[in-house]
Amino acid sequence: MREPSRLANIGMPHFIVTTRRRPTTPGRTAWRPLALLILALLPGPVGSAHAEPVEHRVVIIAYDTNDVRLPMALDAIAFWNGVMEELELNVRLVEELHIASPVTRALENYARSISQRAGRRRGGPGEPDAPAEITDFGVEAVLLLSRQDLMSFAWPLPRYPGHFVAIEEDRTAMAVNPNIARNIIAHEIGHTLGLRHNRDPTTLMCGPCRTHELAVDRPEYMRLTERDRRRLIERYASR
């Protein structure tokens, strides 16, 4: 889903050119009004156009459109776009949705292998490459709405730019408070944007987190810290 061009309107400006008539004399022609009109119709400076936003592409893999986490994932992307706009950063998260994709099995197997490491750090140079089913997308993040009982994570791909994100299927937590799942998804997407864990359990990038204070009757996101905001600015302000 591509954003339309955000180039500033550089169409023909609306000018009314008035000139005072002078009698023509030999060697003098009435070229001045025509020249002024041509100058008025020229577009403005090219430098006045805004640059296209940098895209942070997120491929979402879901089994079907009835997955309650799907609208949450889309809402989390909208949340991060709101953050980028608030910080006046020229970055936009763009989602690409794949339903019942044939690559799902390979992604589930990879998610299980990562989850079984029980939160250990990524391996060194000897760590196996991510499956081609992930790297072939060529995007910044591939997000799987998994059907496994695993711990959600955002995993930096070895020797390849980008992250693999797996979101657990915890029906109990979602039944108690959907905002728990909503914040988990936004949290993992935050890692793909370069944010790290902090020790404040009431913030979005918490580790561990305290979610019992989240609203139940309306969508709610935990807050970002000033350090999170500074990190986003440092990472994306020059793009």
C-alpha atoms as a PDB file:
ATOM      1  CA  MET A   1       0.000   0.000   0.000  1.00  0.00           C
ATOM      2  CA  ARG A   2       1.907   3.004  -1.195  1.00  0.00           C
ATOM      3  CA  GLU A   3       1.337   6.532  -0.024  1.00  0.00           C
ATOM      4  CA  PRO A   4       0.449   8.997  -2.776  1.00  0.00           C
ATOM      5  CA  SER A   5       3.072  11.548  -3.581  1.00  0.00           C
ATOM      6  CA  ARG A   6       3.263  14.321  -1.033  1.00  0.00           C
ATOM      7  CA  LEU A   7       4.995  16.785  -3.321  1.00  0.00           C
ATOM      8  CA  ALA A   8       3.814  20.287  -2.703  1.00  0.00           C
ATOM      9  CA  ASN A   9       1.417  21.748  -5.212  1.00  0.00           C
ATOM     10  CA  ILE A  10       3.665  23.298  -7.808  1.00  0.00           C
ATOM     11  CA  GLY A  11       0.947  23.969 -10.334  1.00  0.00           C
ATOM     12  CA  MET A  12       0.609  27.262 -12.147  1.00  0.00           C
ATOM     13  CA  PRO A  13       0.121  30.139  -9.703  1.00  0.00           C
ATOM     14  CA  HIS A  14      -2.770  32.465 -10.310  1.00  0.00           C
ATOM     15  CA  PHE A  15      -1.493  35.910 -11.224  1.00  0.00           C
ATOM     16  CA  ILE A  16      -3.167  38.876 -12.822  1.00  0.00           C
ATOM     17  CA  VAL A  17      -0.652  40.882 -14.821  1.00  0.00           C
ATOM     18  CA  THR A  18      -1.453  44.506 -15.468  1.00  0.00           C
ATOM     19  CA  THR A  19       0.650  46.832 -17.600  1.00  0.00           C
ATOM     20  CA  ARG A  20       0.354  50.443 -18.601  1.00  0.00           C
ATOM     21  CA  ARG A  21      -0.008  50.985 -22.325  1.00  0.00           C
ATOM     22  CA  ARG A  22       2.714  52.951 -24.025  1.00  0.00           C
ATOM     23  CA  PRO A  23       2.758  54.053 -27.594  1.00  0.00           C
ATOM     24  CA  THR A  24       5.009  51.848 -29.647  1.00  0.00           C
ATOM     25  CA  THR A  25       7.915  53.469 -31.319  1.00  0.00           C
ATOM     26  CA  PRO A  26      10.252  52.147 -33.969  1.00  0.00           C
ATOM     27  CA  GLY A  27      12.469  49.470 -32.422  1.00  0.00           C
ATOM     28  CA  ARG A  28      10.181  49.031 -29.429  1.00  0.00           C
ATOM     29  CA  THR A  29       7.673  46.156 -29.236  1.00  0.00           C
ATOM     30  CA  ALA A  30       5.022  45.233 -26.726  1.00  0.00           C
ATOM     31  CA  TRP A  31       6.950  42.230 -25.388  1.00  0.00           C
ATOM     32  CA  ARG A  32       6.937  43.175 -21.695  1.00  0.00           C
ATOM     33  CA  PRO A  33       3.385  42.000 -20.835  1.00  0.00           C
ATOM     34  CA  LEU A  34       4.007  38.670 -22.553  1.00  0.00           C
ATOM     35  CA  ALA A  35       7.299  38.150 -20.704  1.00  0.00           C
ATOM     36  CA  LEU A  36       5.695  38.912 -17.362  1.00  0.00           C
ATOM     37  CA  LEU A  37       2.877  36.488 -18.084  1.00  0.00           C
ATOM     38  CA  ILE A  38       5.330  33.692 -18.955  1.00  0.00           C
ATOM     39  CA  LEU A  39       7.260  34.281 -15.730  1.00  0.00           C
ATOM     40  CA  ALA A  40       4.051  34.183 -13.726  1.00  0.00           C
ATOM     41  CA  LEU A  41       3.085  30.816 -15.171  1.00  0.00           C
ATOM     42  CA  LEU A  42       6.380  29.141 -14.356  1.00  0.00           C
ATOM     43  CA  PRO A  43       6.280  26.684 -11.405  1.00  0.00           C
ATOM     44  CA  GLY A  44       7.886  27.576  -8.106  1.00  0.00           C
ATOM     45  CA  PRO A  45      11.361  26.440  -7.064  1.00  0.00           C
ATOM     46  CA  VAL A  46      11.893  22.699  -7.087  1.00  0.00           C
ATOM     47  CA  GLY A  47      13.342  22.894  -3.587  1.00  0.00           C
ATOM     48  CA  SER A  48       9.933  23.860  -2.196  1.00  0.00           C
ATOM     49  CA  ALA A  49       8.603  20.336  -2.674  1.00  0.00           C
ATOM     50  CA  HIS A  50       8.579  17.985   0.319  1.00  0.00           C
ATOM     51  CA  ALA A  51      10.603  14.784   0.185  1.00  0.00           C
ATOM     52  CA  GLU A  52       8.809  11.470   0.062  1.00  0.00           C
ATOM     53  CA  PRO A  53       8.589   9.811   3.492  1.00  0.00           C
ATOM     54  CA  VAL A  54      10.916   6.923   4.251  1.00  0.00           C
ATOM     55  CA  GLU A  55       8.873   3.721   4.374  1.00  0.00           C
ATOM     56  CA  HIS A  56       9.222   1.219   7.216  1.00  0.00           C
ATOM     57  CA  ARG A  57       7.480  -1.737   5.607  1.00  0.00           C
ATOM     58  CA  VAL A  58       5.703  -4.322   7.742  1.00  0.00           C
ATOM     59  CA  VAL A  59       4.414  -7.551   6.193  1.00  0.00           C
ATOM     60  CA  ILE A  60       1.627  -9.053   8.324  1.00  0.00           C
ATOM     61  CA  ILE A  61       0.992 -12.796   7.988  1.00  0.00           C
ATOM     62  CA  ALA A  62      -2.398 -13.995   9.276  1.00  0.00           C
ATOM     63  CA  TYR A  63      -4.253 -17.273   8.910  1.00  0.00           C
ATOM     64  CA  ASP A  64      -7.582 -15.602   8.206  1.00  0.00           C
ATOM     65  CA  THR A  65      -9.327 -12.263   8.392  1.00  0.00           C
ATOM     66  CA  ASN A  66     -11.235 -13.279  11.537  1.00  0.00           C
ATOM     67  CA  ASP A  67      -8.120 -13.156  13.724  1.00  0.00           C
ATOM     68  CA  VAL A  68      -8.895 -10.571  16.406  1.00  0.00           C
ATOM     69  CA  ARG A  69      -5.222  -9.577  16.482  1.00  0.00           C
ATOM     70  CA  LEU A  70      -5.326  -8.398  12.868  1.00  0.00           C
ATOM     71  CA  PRO A  71      -7.137  -5.088  13.484  1.00  0.00           C
ATOM     72  CA  MET A  72      -4.909  -4.623  16.535  1.00  0.00           C
ATOM     73  CA  ALA A  73      -1.810  -4.964  14.358  1.00  0.00           C
ATOM     74  CA  LEU A  74      -3.177  -2.416  11.901  1.00  0.00           C
ATOM     75  CA  ASP A  75      -4.059  -0.095  14.773  1.00  0.00           C
ATOM     76  CA  ALA A  76      -0.551  -0.464  16.228  1.00  0.00           C
ATOM     77  CA  ILE A  77       0.911   0.616  12.899  1.00  0.00           C
ATOM     78  CA  ALA A  78      -1.406   3.635  12.918  1.00  0.00           C
ATOM     79  CA  PHE A  79      -0.231   4.379  16.478  1.00  0.00           C
ATOM     80  CA  TRP A  80       3.416   4.449  15.415  1.00  0.00           C
ATOM     81  CA  ASN A  81       2.602   6.617  12.411  1.00  0.00           C
ATOM     82  CA  GLY A  82       0.985   9.041  14.841  1.00  0.00           C
ATOM     83  CA  VAL A  83       4.170   9.068  16.919  1.00  0.00           C
ATOM     84  CA  MET A  84       6.282   9.784  13.831  1.00  0.00           C
ATOM     85  CA  GLU A  85       3.977  12.614  12.829  1.00  0.00           C
ATOM     86  CA  GLU A  86       4.042  14.060  16.344  1.00  0.00           C
ATOM     87  CA  LEU A  87       7.857  14.017  16.315  1.00  0.00           C
ATOM     88  CA  GLU A  88       7.840  15.522  12.796  1.00  0.00           C
ATOM     89  CA  LEU A  89       9.876  12.625  11.418  1.00  0.00           C
ATOM     90  CA  ASN A  90       9.665  11.861   7.713  1.00  0.00           C
ATOM     91  CA  VAL A  91       8.970   8.153   8.282  1.00  0.00           C
ATOM     92  CA  ARG A  92       5.826   6.190   7.601  1.00  0.00           C
ATOM     93  CA  LEU A  93       5.021   2.599   8.511  1.00  0.00           C
ATOM     94  CA  VAL A  94       3.332   0.823   5.617  1.00  0.00           C
ATOM     95  CA  GLU A  95       1.578  -2.518   6.049  1.00  0.00           C
ATOM     96  CA  GLU A  96       1.297  -5.332   3.535  1.00  0.00           C
ATOM     97  CA  LEU A  97      -1.233  -8.007   4.478  1.00  0.00           C
ATOM     98  CA  HIS A  98      -0.945 -11.689   3.529  1.00  0.00           C
ATOM     99  CA  ILE A  99      -3.811 -14.036   4.434  1.00  0.00           C
ATOM    100  CA  ALA A 100      -3.367 -17.838   4.441  1.00  0.00           C
ATOM    101  CA  SER A 101       0.086 -17.479   2.917  1.00  0.00           C
ATOM    102  CA  PRO A 102       1.951 -20.630   1.837  1.00  0.00           C
ATOM    103  CA  VAL A 103       5.006 -19.406   3.792  1.00  0.00           C
ATOM    104  CA  THR A 104       3.162 -19.652   7.120  1.00  0.00           C
ATOM    105  CA  ARG A 105       4.457 -23.119   8.028  1.00  0.00           C
ATOM    106  CA  ALA A 106       8.101 -22.111   7.538  1.00  0.00           C
ATOM    107  CA  LEU A 107       7.542 -18.994   9.638  1.00  0.00           C
ATOM    108  CA  GLU A 108       5.877 -20.984  12.428  1.00  0.00           C
ATOM    109  CA  ASN A 109       8.813 -23.405  12.502  1.00  0.00           C
ATOM    110  CA  TYR A 110      11.291 -20.531  12.708  1.00  0.00           C
ATOM    111  CA  ALA A 111       9.218 -18.868  15.433  1.00  0.00           C
ATOM    112  CA  ARG A 112       9.256 -22.078  17.462  1.00  0.00           C
ATOM    113  CA  SER A 113      13.035 -22.440  17.138  1.00  0.00           C
ATOM    114  CA  ILE A 114      13.549 -18.888  18.382  1.00  0.00           C
ATOM    115  CA  SER A 115      11.010 -19.232  21.185  1.00  0.00           C
ATOM    116  CA  GLN A 116      12.714 -22.369  22.474  1.00  0.00           C
ATOM    117  CA  ARG A 117      15.813 -20.310  23.213  1.00  0.00           C
ATOM    118  CA  ALA A 118      13.789 -18.888  26.107  1.00  0.00           C
ATOM    119  CA  GLY A 119      14.814 -15.286  25.542  1.00  0.00           C
ATOM    120  CA  ARG A 120      18.510 -15.922  25.086  1.00  0.00           C
ATOM    121  CA  ARG A 121      20.414 -13.453  22.962  1.00  0.00           C
ATOM    122  CA  ARG A 122      20.827 -14.049  19.286  1.00  0.00           C
ATOM    123  CA  GLY A 123      23.695 -16.299  18.335  1.00  0.00           C
ATOM    124  CA  GLY A 124      27.014 -15.285  16.877  1.00  0.00           C
ATOM    125  CA  PRO A 125      28.385 -15.759  13.373  1.00  0.00           C
ATOM    126  CA  GLY A 126      27.401 -19.420  13.446  1.00  0.00           C
ATOM    127  CA  GLU A 127      23.694 -18.726  13.832  1.00  0.00           C
ATOM    128  CA  PRO A 128      21.699 -20.184  10.909  1.00  0.00           C
ATOM    129  CA  ASP A 129      20.257 -17.774   8.387  1.00  0.00           C
ATOM    130  CA  ALA A 130      16.591 -16.902   8.565  1.00  0.00           C
ATOM    131  CA  PRO A 131      14.401 -18.843   6.122  1.00  0.00           C
ATOM    132  CA  ALA A 132      14.195 -17.458   2.606  1.00  0.00           C
ATOM    133  CA  GLU A 133      10.428 -17.218   3.137  1.00  0.00           C
ATOM    134  CA  ILE A 134      11.222 -14.276   5.432  1.00  0.00           C
ATOM    135  CA  THR A 135      14.175 -12.611   3.743  1.00  0.00           C
ATOM    136  CA  ASP A 136      12.589 -12.814   0.283  1.00  0.00           C
ATOM    137  CA  PHE A 137      10.041 -10.201   1.332  1.00  0.00           C
ATOM    138  CA  GLY A 138      12.859  -7.646   1.494  1.00  0.00           C
ATOM    139  CA  VAL A 139      11.087  -5.508   4.097  1.00  0.00           C
ATOM    140  CA  GLU A 140      11.949  -4.021   7.465  1.00  0.00           C
ATOM    141  CA  ALA A 141       9.680  -6.364   9.454  1.00  0.00           C
ATOM    142  CA  VAL A 142       7.754  -9.581   8.869  1.00  0.00           C
ATOM    143  CA  LEU A 143       5.068  -9.990  11.539  1.00  0.00           C
ATOM    144  CA  LEU A 144       3.450 -13.393  12.072  1.00  0.00           C
ATOM    145  CA  LEU A 145       0.186 -13.713  13.984  1.00  0.00           C
ATOM    146  CA  SER A 146       1.200 -17.110  15.302  1.00  0.00           C
ATOM    147  CA  ARG A 147      -1.117 -19.883  16.423  1.00  0.00           C
ATOM    148  CA  GLN A 148       1.434 -21.175  18.894  1.00  0.00           C
ATOM    149  CA  ASP A 149       1.677 -20.742  22.634  1.00  0.00           C
ATOM    150  CA  LEU A 150       4.983 -18.888  22.638  1.00  0.00           C
ATOM    151  CA  MET A 151       6.443 -15.688  24.002  1.00  0.00           C
ATOM    152  CA  SER A 152       6.025 -12.817  21.556  1.00  0.00           C
ATOM    153  CA  PHE A 153       9.290 -11.428  20.221  1.00  0.00           C
ATOM    154  CA  ALA A 154      10.993  -9.227  17.638  1.00  0.00           C
ATOM    155  CA  TRP A 155      14.095 -11.036  16.361  1.00  0.00           C
ATOM    156  CA  PRO A 156      16.824  -9.215  14.404  1.00  0.00           C
ATOM    157  CA  LEU A 157      17.616 -11.300  11.345  1.00  0.00           C
ATOM    158  CA  PRO A 158      21.192 -12.634  11.222  1.00  0.00           C
ATOM    159  CA  ARG A 159      23.320 -11.097   8.450  1.00  0.00           C
ATOM    160  CA  TYR A 160      20.263  -9.393   6.998  1.00  0.00           C
ATOM    161  CA  PRO A 161      18.560  -6.058   7.726  1.00  0.00           C
ATOM    162  CA  GLY A 162      15.151  -6.281   9.317  1.00  0.00           C
ATOM    163  CA  HIS A 163      13.256  -8.188  12.010  1.00  0.00           C
ATOM    164  CA  PHE A 164      11.036 -11.225  12.312  1.00  0.00           C
ATOM    165  CA  VAL A 165       8.164 -10.628  14.733  1.00  0.00           C
ATOM    166  CA  ALA A 166       5.953 -13.376  16.150  1.00  0.00           C
ATOM    167  CA  ILE A 167       2.845 -12.566  18.190  1.00  0.00           C
ATOM    168  CA  GLU A 168       1.553 -15.252  20.519  1.00  0.00           C
ATOM    169  CA  GLU A 169      -1.999 -16.530  20.482  1.00  0.00           C
ATOM    170  CA  ASP A 170      -3.073 -15.931  24.076  1.00  0.00           C
ATOM    171  CA  ARG A 171      -6.851 -16.132  24.035  1.00  0.00           C
ATOM    172  CA  THR A 172      -7.100 -15.893  27.811  1.00  0.00           C
ATOM    173  CA  ALA A 173      -5.271 -12.575  27.994  1.00  0.00           C
ATOM    174  CA  MET A 174      -7.236 -11.187  25.056  1.00  0.00           C
ATOM    175  CA  ALA A 175     -10.490 -12.210  26.716  1.00  0.00           C
ATOM    176  CA  VAL A 176      -9.494 -10.459  29.943  1.00  0.00           C
ATOM    177  CA  ASN A 177      -8.300  -7.253  28.257  1.00  0.00           C
ATOM    178  CA  PRO A 178      -7.692  -6.800  24.512  1.00  0.00           C
ATOM    179  CA  ASN A 179      -5.362  -3.890  25.294  1.00  0.00           C
ATOM    180  CA  ILE A 180      -2.772  -6.374  26.525  1.00  0.00           C
ATOM    181  CA  ALA A 181      -2.441  -7.873  23.038  1.00  0.00           C
ATOM    182  CA  ARG A 182      -2.636  -4.422  21.460  1.00  0.00           C
ATOM    183  CA  ASN A 183       0.324  -3.205  23.515  1.00  0.00           C
ATOM    184  CA  ILE A 184       2.322  -6.393  22.940  1.00  0.00           C
ATOM    185  CA  ILE A 185       2.060  -5.858  19.181  1.00  0.00           C
ATOM    186  CA  ALA A 186       2.987  -2.165  19.430  1.00  0.00           C
ATOM    187  CA  HIS A 187       5.871  -3.081  21.760  1.00  0.00           C
ATOM    188  CA  GLU A 188       7.375  -5.569  19.294  1.00  0.00           C
ATOM    189  CA  ILE A 189       6.978  -3.163  16.370  1.00  0.00           C
ATOM    190  CA  GLY A 190       8.812  -0.616  18.532  1.00  0.00           C
ATOM    191  CA  HIS A 191      11.812  -2.942  18.603  1.00  0.00           C
ATOM    192  CA  THR A 192      11.856  -3.002  14.790  1.00  0.00           C
ATOM    193  CA  LEU A 193      12.117   0.811  14.943  1.00  0.00           C
ATOM    194  CA  GLY A 194      15.235   0.607  17.089  1.00  0.00           C
ATOM    195  CA  LEU A 195      13.732   0.998  20.571  1.00  0.00           C
ATOM    196  CA  ARG A 196      15.007  -1.033  23.517  1.00  0.00           C
ATOM    197  CA  HIS A 197      13.598  -2.284  26.799  1.00  0.00           C
ATOM    198  CA  ASN A 198      13.492  -0.042  29.836  1.00  0.00           C
ATOM    199  CA  ARG A 199      12.831  -0.774  33.491  1.00  0.00           C
ATOM    200  CA  ASP A 200       9.652   1.262  33.877  1.00  0.00           C
ATOM    201  CA  PRO A 201       6.782  -1.294  33.910  1.00  0.00           C
ATOM    202  CA  THR A 202       4.197   1.361  33.021  1.00  0.00           C
ATOM    203  CA  THR A 203       5.720   2.268  29.638  1.00  0.00           C
ATOM    204  CA  LEU A 204       5.276   0.699  26.216  1.00  0.00           C
ATOM    205  CA  MET A 205       8.844  -0.564  25.899  1.00  0.00           C
ATOM    206  CA  CYS A 206       8.802  -2.054  29.391  1.00  0.00           C
ATOM    207  CA  GLY A 207      10.561  -5.234  30.340  1.00  0.00           C
ATOM    208  CA  PRO A 208       8.889  -6.581  32.421  1.00  0.00           C
ATOM    209  CA  CYS A 209       5.537  -4.842  32.097  1.00  0.00           C
ATOM    210  CA  ARG A 210       2.603  -4.029  34.346  1.00  0.00           C
ATOM    211  CA  THR A 211      -0.586  -4.117  32.301  1.00  0.00           C
ATOM    212  CA  HIS A 212      -3.331  -4.388  34.928  1.00  0.00           C
ATOM    213  CA  GLU A 213      -3.878  -0.617  34.835  1.00  0.00           C
ATOM    214  CA  LEU A 214      -4.807  -0.597  31.150  1.00  0.00           C
ATOM    215  CA  ALA A 215      -8.350   0.390  30.277  1.00  0.00           C
ATOM    216  CA  VAL A 216     -10.740  -2.416  29.365  1.00  0.00           C
ATOM    217  CA  ASP A 217     -13.517  -0.496  27.625  1.00  0.00           C
ATOM    218  CA  ARG A 218     -11.453   1.452  25.081  1.00  0.00           C
ATOM    219  CA  PRO A 219      -8.192   1.109  23.120  1.00  0.00           C
ATOM    220  CA  GLU A 220      -5.208   2.364  25.091  1.00  0.00           C
ATOM    221  CA  TYR A 221      -1.458   2.370  24.579  1.00  0.00           C
ATOM    222  CA  MET A 222       1.153   2.605  27.272  1.00  0.00           C
ATOM    223  CA  ARG A 223       3.308   5.710  27.120  1.00  0.00           C
ATOM    224  CA  LEU A 224       6.670   6.274  25.504  1.00  0.00           C
ATOM    225  CA  THR A 225       9.535   7.687  27.536  1.00  0.00           C
ATOM    226  CA  GLU A 226      11.476  10.805  26.616  1.00  0.00           C
ATOM    227  CA  ARG A 227      14.420   8.513  25.959  1.00  0.00           C
ATOM    228  CA  ASP A 228      12.316   6.571  23.431  1.00  0.00           C
ATOM    229  CA  ARG A 229      11.414   9.789  21.661  1.00  0.00           C
ATOM    230  CA  ARG A 230      15.012  10.985  21.576  1.00  0.00           C
ATOM    231  CA  ARG A 231      16.139   7.668  20.158  1.00  0.00           C
ATOM    232  CA  LEU A 232      13.569   7.847  17.363  1.00  0.00           C
ATOM    233  CA  ILE A 233      14.663  11.395  16.548  1.00  0.00           C
ATOM    234  CA  GLU A 234      18.344  10.415  16.534  1.00  0.00           C
ATOM    235  CA  ARG A 235      17.617   7.446  14.291  1.00  0.00           C
ATOM    236  CA  TYR A 236      15.264   9.010  11.772  1.00  0.00           C
ATOM    237  CA  ALA A 237      15.675  12.810  11.816  1.00  0.00           C
ATOM    238  CA  SER A 238      18.326  12.756   9.080  1.00  0.00           C
ATOM    239  CA  ARG A 239      16.284  10.595   6.692  1.00  0.00           C
END
